[in-house]
Protein backbone atom coordinates (compact mmCIF):
# COMPACT_ATOMS: atom_id res chain seq x y z
CA MET A 1 0.01 0.05 -0.03
CA PHE A 2 2.90 2.42 0.78
CA VAL A 3 4.25 2.00 -2.80
CA VAL A 4 0.81 2.39 -4.34
CA ARG A 5 0.12 5.52 -2.34
CA GLY A 6 3.58 7.05 -3.30
CA LEU A 7 2.94 6.34 -7.06
CA ALA A 8 -0.48 7.87 -6.82
CA VAL A 9 0.80 10.92 -4.98
CA SER A 10 3.73 11.39 -7.32
CA LEU A 11 1.75 11.03 -10.57
CA SER A 12 -0.90 13.30 -9.17
CA VAL A 13 1.54 16.12 -8.48
CA PHE A 14 3.21 15.53 -11.90
CA VAL A 15 -0.07 15.74 -13.86
CA MET A 16 -1.38 18.77 -11.99
CA VAL A 17 1.70 20.73 -12.62
CA TYR A 18 2.04 19.49 -16.08
CA CYS A 19 -1.46 20.38 -17.03
CA SER A 20 -1.52 23.72 -15.28
CA LEU A 21 1.73 24.93 -17.00
CA SER A 22 0.67 23.48 -20.41
CA LEU A 23 -2.57 25.58 -20.29
CA ALA A 24 -0.61 28.71 -19.19
CA VAL A 25 1.88 28.21 -22.07
CA SER A 26 -1.00 27.61 -24.52
CA PHE A 27 -2.49 30.93 -23.60
CA GLY A 28 0.77 32.86 -23.20
CA TRP A 29 3.10 31.82 -25.93
CA HIS A 30 1.84 34.40 -28.53
CA ARG A 31 3.19 37.20 -26.29
CA VAL A 32 6.53 35.50 -26.09
CA ARG A 33 6.75 35.13 -29.84
CA ARG A 34 5.81 38.83 -30.26
CA TRP A 35 8.67 39.67 -27.89
CA ALA A 36 11.11 37.47 -29.72
CA GLN A 37 10.37 39.06 -33.10
CA ASN A 38 13.62 41.14 -33.02
CA LEU A 39 15.72 38.20 -32.02
CA PRO A 40 17.65 36.08 -34.55
CA ALA A 41 15.63 33.21 -36.01
CA GLY A 42 17.82 30.54 -34.15
CA ARG A 43 17.21 32.15 -30.71
CA THR A 44 13.44 32.42 -31.47
CA ALA A 45 13.23 28.80 -32.28
CA ASP A 46 15.25 27.80 -29.27
CA LEU A 47 13.02 30.01 -27.03
CA LEU A 48 9.79 28.59 -28.56
CA PHE A 49 11.01 24.99 -28.18
CA ALA A 50 12.08 25.63 -24.58
CA LEU A 51 8.65 27.09 -23.78
CA ARG A 52 6.96 24.06 -25.26
CA MET A 53 9.03 21.65 -23.14
CA LEU A 54 8.76 23.83 -20.08
CA PRO A 55 5.61 22.01 -18.55
CA LEU A 56 7.24 18.54 -18.85
CA ALA A 57 10.67 19.63 -17.50
CA THR A 58 9.14 21.67 -14.62
CA ALA A 59 6.62 18.81 -13.70
CA ALA A 60 9.44 16.27 -13.75
CA ALA A 61 11.77 18.36 -11.70
CA ILE A 62 9.19 19.09 -8.96
CA THR A 63 8.07 15.50 -8.76
CA ALA A 64 11.64 14.13 -8.73
CA ALA A 65 13.17 16.87 -6.38
CA PHE A 66 10.34 17.41 -3.92
CA THR A 67 7.33 15.11 -4.15
CA VAL A 68 9.16 11.77 -4.01
CA PRO A 69 11.77 12.65 -1.54
CA SER A 70 9.11 14.24 0.79
CA PHE A 71 7.01 11.12 0.64
CA LEU A 72 9.92 8.68 1.19
CA LEU A 73 11.38 10.63 3.98
CA LEU A 74 8.29 11.93 5.80
CA GLU A 75 5.51 9.42 5.14
CA PRO A 76 5.17 6.69 7.82
CA ARG A 77 5.33 3.30 6.19
CA ALA A 78 3.43 1.33 8.95
CA VAL A 79 0.25 3.51 8.74
CA ASP A 80 -2.52 1.70 6.80
CA GLU A 81 -3.98 4.89 5.41
CA PRO A 82 -6.61 4.65 2.62
CA ILE A 83 -6.13 6.40 -0.73
CA GLY A 84 -8.69 8.97 -1.69
CA ALA A 85 -10.40 9.09 -4.96
CA ALA A 86 -8.61 12.26 -6.19
CA PRO A 87 -4.98 10.96 -6.16
CA LEU A 88 -6.15 7.68 -7.71
CA LEU A 89 -7.90 9.42 -10.59
CA LEU A 90 -5.16 11.96 -11.00
CA GLY A 91 -2.51 9.26 -10.95
CA LEU A 92 -4.40 7.13 -13.44
CA PHE A 93 -4.76 10.21 -15.73
CA GLY A 94 -0.94 10.84 -15.37
CA LEU A 95 -0.19 7.37 -16.34
CA VAL A 96 -2.49 7.52 -19.29
CA VAL A 97 -0.76 10.76 -20.44
CA GLY A 98 2.74 9.15 -20.22
CA ILE A 99 1.64 5.98 -22.04
CA SER A 100 -0.09 8.02 -24.72
CA GLY A 101 3.05 10.12 -25.31
CA ILE A 102 5.26 7.00 -25.53
CA ALA A 103 2.74 5.39 -27.87
CA LYS A 104 2.76 8.66 -30.24
CA VAL A 105 6.54 8.53 -30.18
CA LEU A 106 6.66 4.80 -31.18
CA ALA A 107 4.08 5.24 -33.89
CA ALA A 108 5.82 8.20 -35.35
CA LEU A 109 9.11 6.39 -35.43
CA HIS A 110 7.50 3.33 -37.05
CA ARG A 111 5.67 5.45 -39.82
CA THR A 112 8.80 7.50 -40.50
CA SER A 113 11.04 4.51 -40.63
CA ARG A 114 8.68 2.79 -43.08
CA THR A 115 8.41 5.73 -45.33
CA ILE A 116 12.21 6.36 -45.29
CA HIS A 117 12.84 2.70 -46.21
CA ALA A 118 10.48 3.09 -49.22
CA TRP A 119 12.27 6.19 -50.39
CA THR A 120 15.81 4.90 -50.03
CA SER A 121 15.11 1.58 -51.76
CA GLY A 122 17.68 1.56 -54.48
CA ALA A 123 19.19 4.95 -53.42
CA GLU A 124 22.73 5.77 -54.70
CA SER A 125 25.29 7.43 -52.34
CA LEU A 126 26.71 10.63 -53.79
CA GLN A 127 30.37 11.62 -53.34
CA LEU A 128 30.05 15.12 -52.03
CA PRO A 129 32.36 17.07 -49.81
CA TYR A 130 29.96 16.94 -46.79
CA SER A 131 30.38 15.39 -43.47
CA LEU A 132 26.85 13.90 -43.79
CA PRO A 133 26.03 11.17 -46.31
CA VAL A 134 23.85 12.36 -49.24
CA LEU A 135 21.75 9.72 -50.98
CA ARG A 136 20.22 10.19 -54.43
CA ILE A 137 16.62 8.82 -54.63
CA SER A 138 14.85 8.01 -57.91
CA GLN A 139 11.40 9.45 -57.19
CA PRO A 140 10.95 13.29 -57.50
CA ILE A 141 9.32 13.62 -54.12
CA PRO A 142 10.66 14.66 -51.68
CA PRO A 143 13.07 16.94 -53.54
CA MET A 144 15.43 17.29 -50.55
CA THR A 145 14.90 16.22 -46.89
CA ALA A 146 16.88 15.57 -43.79
CA VAL A 147 16.20 12.24 -42.11
CA GLY A 148 17.43 10.27 -39.14
CA ILE A 149 18.39 11.12 -35.53
CA VAL A 150 21.07 8.53 -34.72
CA ARG A 151 22.23 8.16 -38.30
CA PRO A 152 21.47 11.41 -40.05
CA ARG A 153 21.28 11.46 -43.94
CA ILE A 154 20.22 13.90 -46.66
CA LEU A 155 17.94 12.55 -49.34
CA LEU A 156 18.13 14.30 -52.72
CA SER A 157 15.84 13.43 -55.66
CA SER A 158 17.36 13.19 -59.07
CA SER A 159 14.89 15.90 -60.23
CA ALA A 160 16.10 18.30 -57.68
CA GLU A 161 19.73 17.55 -58.47
CA PHE A 162 18.96 18.36 -62.18
CA LEU A 163 17.05 21.54 -61.46
CA LEU A 164 19.55 23.14 -59.21
CA THR A 165 22.84 24.69 -60.13
CA PRO A 166 25.92 23.69 -58.10
CA ALA A 167 25.70 26.94 -55.94
CA GLU A 168 21.93 26.36 -55.24
CA LEU A 169 22.59 22.79 -54.42
CA LYS A 170 25.32 23.77 -52.04
CA THR A 171 23.22 26.27 -50.10
CA ALA A 172 20.27 23.86 -50.00
CA LEU A 173 22.47 21.05 -48.55
CA ASN A 174 23.78 23.54 -46.06
CA HIS A 175 20.27 24.24 -45.05
CA GLU A 176 19.53 20.51 -44.33
CA ARG A 177 22.80 20.19 -42.49
CA ALA A 178 21.94 23.07 -40.23
CA HIS A 179 18.80 21.13 -39.11
CA PHE A 180 21.09 18.31 -37.98
CA HIS A 181 23.44 20.56 -36.07
CA ARG A 182 20.33 21.98 -34.40
CA ARG A 183 18.99 18.51 -33.63
CA ASP A 184 15.58 19.45 -35.11
CA ASN A 185 14.51 15.87 -35.88
CA LEU A 186 15.11 14.93 -32.21
CA LYS A 187 13.07 17.96 -31.16
CA LYS A 188 10.27 16.94 -33.34
CA LEU A 189 10.38 13.51 -31.66
CA LEU A 190 10.15 15.06 -28.20
CA LEU A 191 7.01 17.08 -29.29
CA HIS A 192 5.36 13.89 -29.83
CA LEU A 193 6.11 12.79 -26.30
CA VAL A 194 4.45 16.02 -24.91
CA ALA A 195 1.43 16.17 -26.96
CA PHE A 196 -1.25 18.35 -25.43
CA PRO A 197 -4.34 20.07 -26.83
CA ALA A 198 -4.10 23.71 -28.00
CA MET A 199 -0.36 23.46 -28.56
CA HIS A 200 -0.48 23.05 -32.31
CA GLY A 201 -0.07 26.73 -32.96
CA LEU A 202 3.15 26.85 -30.77
CA GLU A 203 4.61 23.77 -32.44
CA THR A 204 3.96 25.29 -35.88
CA ALA A 205 5.62 28.50 -34.88
CA TRP A 206 8.61 26.66 -33.59
CA LEU A 207 8.94 24.79 -36.82
CA ASP A 208 8.60 27.91 -38.94
CA ALA A 209 11.27 29.55 -36.80
CA ALA A 210 13.46 26.47 -37.09
CA GLU A 211 13.25 26.57 -40.94
CA MET A 212 14.32 30.30 -40.91
CA ALA A 213 17.15 29.57 -38.52
CA ALA A 214 18.32 26.79 -40.92
CA ASP A 215 18.08 29.29 -43.78
CA ASP A 216 20.24 31.87 -41.86
CA ALA A 217 22.81 29.20 -41.02
CA ALA A 218 23.14 28.05 -44.58
CA VAL A 219 24.12 31.40 -45.98
CA SER A 220 26.78 34.05 -45.22
CA THR A 221 26.73 36.31 -48.13
CA PRO A 222 23.94 38.02 -50.18
CA SER A 223 24.85 35.84 -53.12
CA GLU A 224 24.34 32.62 -51.19
CA ALA A 225 21.05 33.94 -49.95
CA LEU A 226 19.85 34.48 -53.42
CA ASP A 227 21.00 31.04 -54.40
CA LEU A 228 19.00 29.44 -51.59
CA ALA A 229 15.97 31.58 -52.52
CA SER A 230 16.24 30.31 -55.98
CA ALA A 231 16.53 26.75 -54.77
CA LEU A 232 13.32 27.17 -52.73
CA ILE A 233 11.49 28.58 -55.78
CA LYS A 234 12.50 25.75 -58.07
CA LEU A 235 11.94 22.98 -55.59
CA SER A 236 8.58 24.24 -54.52
CA ARG A 237 7.25 23.06 -57.77
CA LEU A 238 8.21 19.52 -56.84
CA ALA A 239 6.89 19.71 -53.30
CA PRO A 240 4.47 17.05 -52.34
CA GLY A 241 0.84 17.65 -51.83
CA SER A 242 0.75 15.62 -48.64
CA PRO A 243 2.82 16.41 -45.55
CA ALA A 244 6.17 14.59 -45.04
CA PRO A 245 6.65 12.09 -42.27
CA GLU A 246 6.64 13.55 -38.83
CA LEU A 247 10.36 12.91 -38.07
CA THR A 248 11.85 14.36 -41.31
CA LEU A 249 12.73 18.00 -42.30
CA ALA A 250 12.13 18.68 -46.02
CA LEU A 251 13.52 21.75 -47.47
CA ILE A 252 10.02 22.45 -48.81
CA ASP A 253 7.73 21.31 -46.02
CA THR A 254 5.92 24.53 -44.99
CA HIS A 255 2.69 26.07 -46.24
CA SER A 256 2.91 28.68 -48.99
CA SER A 257 2.70 31.82 -46.70
CA VAL A 258 5.76 30.68 -44.64
CA LEU A 259 7.55 29.77 -47.75
CA ASN A 260 6.96 33.19 -49.25
CA VAL A 261 8.28 34.79 -45.91
CA ARG A 262 11.45 32.66 -46.15
CA ILE A 263 12.14 33.67 -49.78
CA GLU A 264 11.51 37.39 -49.02
CA ARG A 265 13.92 37.10 -46.02
CA LEU A 266 16.53 35.60 -48.14
CA ILE A 267 16.09 38.14 -50.97
CA SER A 268 16.44 41.01 -48.48
CA TRP A 269 19.19 39.27 -46.71
CA ASN A 270 21.86 41.46 -44.79
CA ARG A 271 24.59 40.61 -42.37
CA ASP A 272 22.94 42.63 -39.66
CA ARG A 273 20.39 39.85 -39.35
CA LEU A 274 23.11 37.57 -37.87
CA ALA A 275 24.57 40.17 -35.52
CA ALA A 276 24.28 39.34 -31.84
CA THR A 277 21.31 40.77 -30.13
CA LEU A 278 21.56 41.90 -26.59
CA TRP A 279 21.09 38.63 -24.63
CA PRO A 280 22.22 37.63 -21.14
CA THR A 281 25.61 36.06 -21.19
CA PRO A 282 26.16 32.53 -19.78
CA TRP A 283 27.58 34.11 -16.67
CA TYR A 284 24.14 35.58 -15.66
CA GLY A 285 22.67 32.04 -16.17
CA LEU A 286 25.45 30.46 -13.96
CA VAL A 287 25.05 33.12 -11.17
CA ALA A 288 21.27 32.75 -11.17
CA ALA A 289 21.54 28.86 -11.11
CA ALA A 290 24.03 29.02 -8.24
CA ALA A 291 21.82 31.43 -6.22
CA THR A 292 18.82 29.28 -6.80
CA THR A 293 20.74 26.07 -5.81
CA ALA A 294 22.02 27.71 -2.71
CA GLY A 295 18.50 28.82 -1.79
CA PHE A 296 17.18 25.33 -2.18
CA VAL A 297 19.96 23.87 -0.13
CA LEU A 298 19.21 26.21 2.71
CA THR A 299 15.58 25.76 2.71
CA TYR A 300 15.18 22.29 1.30
CA SER A 301 14.11 20.49 4.57
CA GLN A 302 11.33 23.19 5.05
CA LEU A 303 10.26 22.90 1.42
CA LEU A 304 10.05 18.96 1.78
CA ALA A 305 7.78 19.44 4.95
CA ARG A 306 5.52 21.82 3.27
CA VAL A 307 5.26 19.60 0.11
CA HIS A 308 4.44 16.56 2.39
CA THR A 309 1.69 18.58 4.05
CA ALA A 310 0.17 19.50 0.76
CA THR A 311 0.33 15.85 -0.51
CA GLU A 312 -1.25 14.69 2.79
CA TRP A 313 -4.14 16.96 2.05
CA LEU A 314 -4.39 15.56 -1.51
CA VAL A 315 -4.34 11.96 -0.26
CA ARG A 316 -7.23 12.62 2.12
């Protein structure tokens, strides 16, 4: 009974914190995006992704650092205390949320793996001066896409290779390589783990910002920006009518309005866009983390006692 009560309490706290923060994020992320409009696209993408993962990270940290220790240290093991309906229902809901997220991840991995296997059947490896393998696929769709998390590869259709000039092909490949450096496929996998209603807008905004961040990382001169814009225009004619698999990042995998914005950004490219914006240095983060840690160390026993009191109320 002690173990069952502990699991129910821990899952209850996790799901309450997770759902509360998820609702707050779903209502407030628009303000964060407006505030981040003047930041470079890469920082905007990082900020939006961190905001999306905030509920899971916070709920897991509070549960692991406070709920579980307070229960193990302060809850008497010999007391045969009944478990109320609230922690049982909340714990069951938390279990369903966790299992649902894992199931979504496994399903996305299966669908993506099956599609990539079909795409790469008979693919030919290209000898290009890139650290990542580039495979030529026979079908025209997808024109170019980044696949894989553990074994990253770039798939290039023969039609796209024929359409693009060497300079356009180089910048397009640099765009896909930037996605791997930013681990965007892994981030898309994590988004399946934390599926929550009303988060589609935030996830779409992050993906749009990630595409623009990869555009910025792929070019360093106005001529390269024009080459990438030209590649986007050419390959948009080969883009599929249906969306690509969840865990891939196609060069042309955004709706037309965002694609137009990307092209306009590249045509009007200037070096100031990559200039460092005022941003807290890592030292500020380290100082804040050290101060927070010191505060927790000094008040940890009192915090555990208060958390245990709150969970006692929950159990009853």
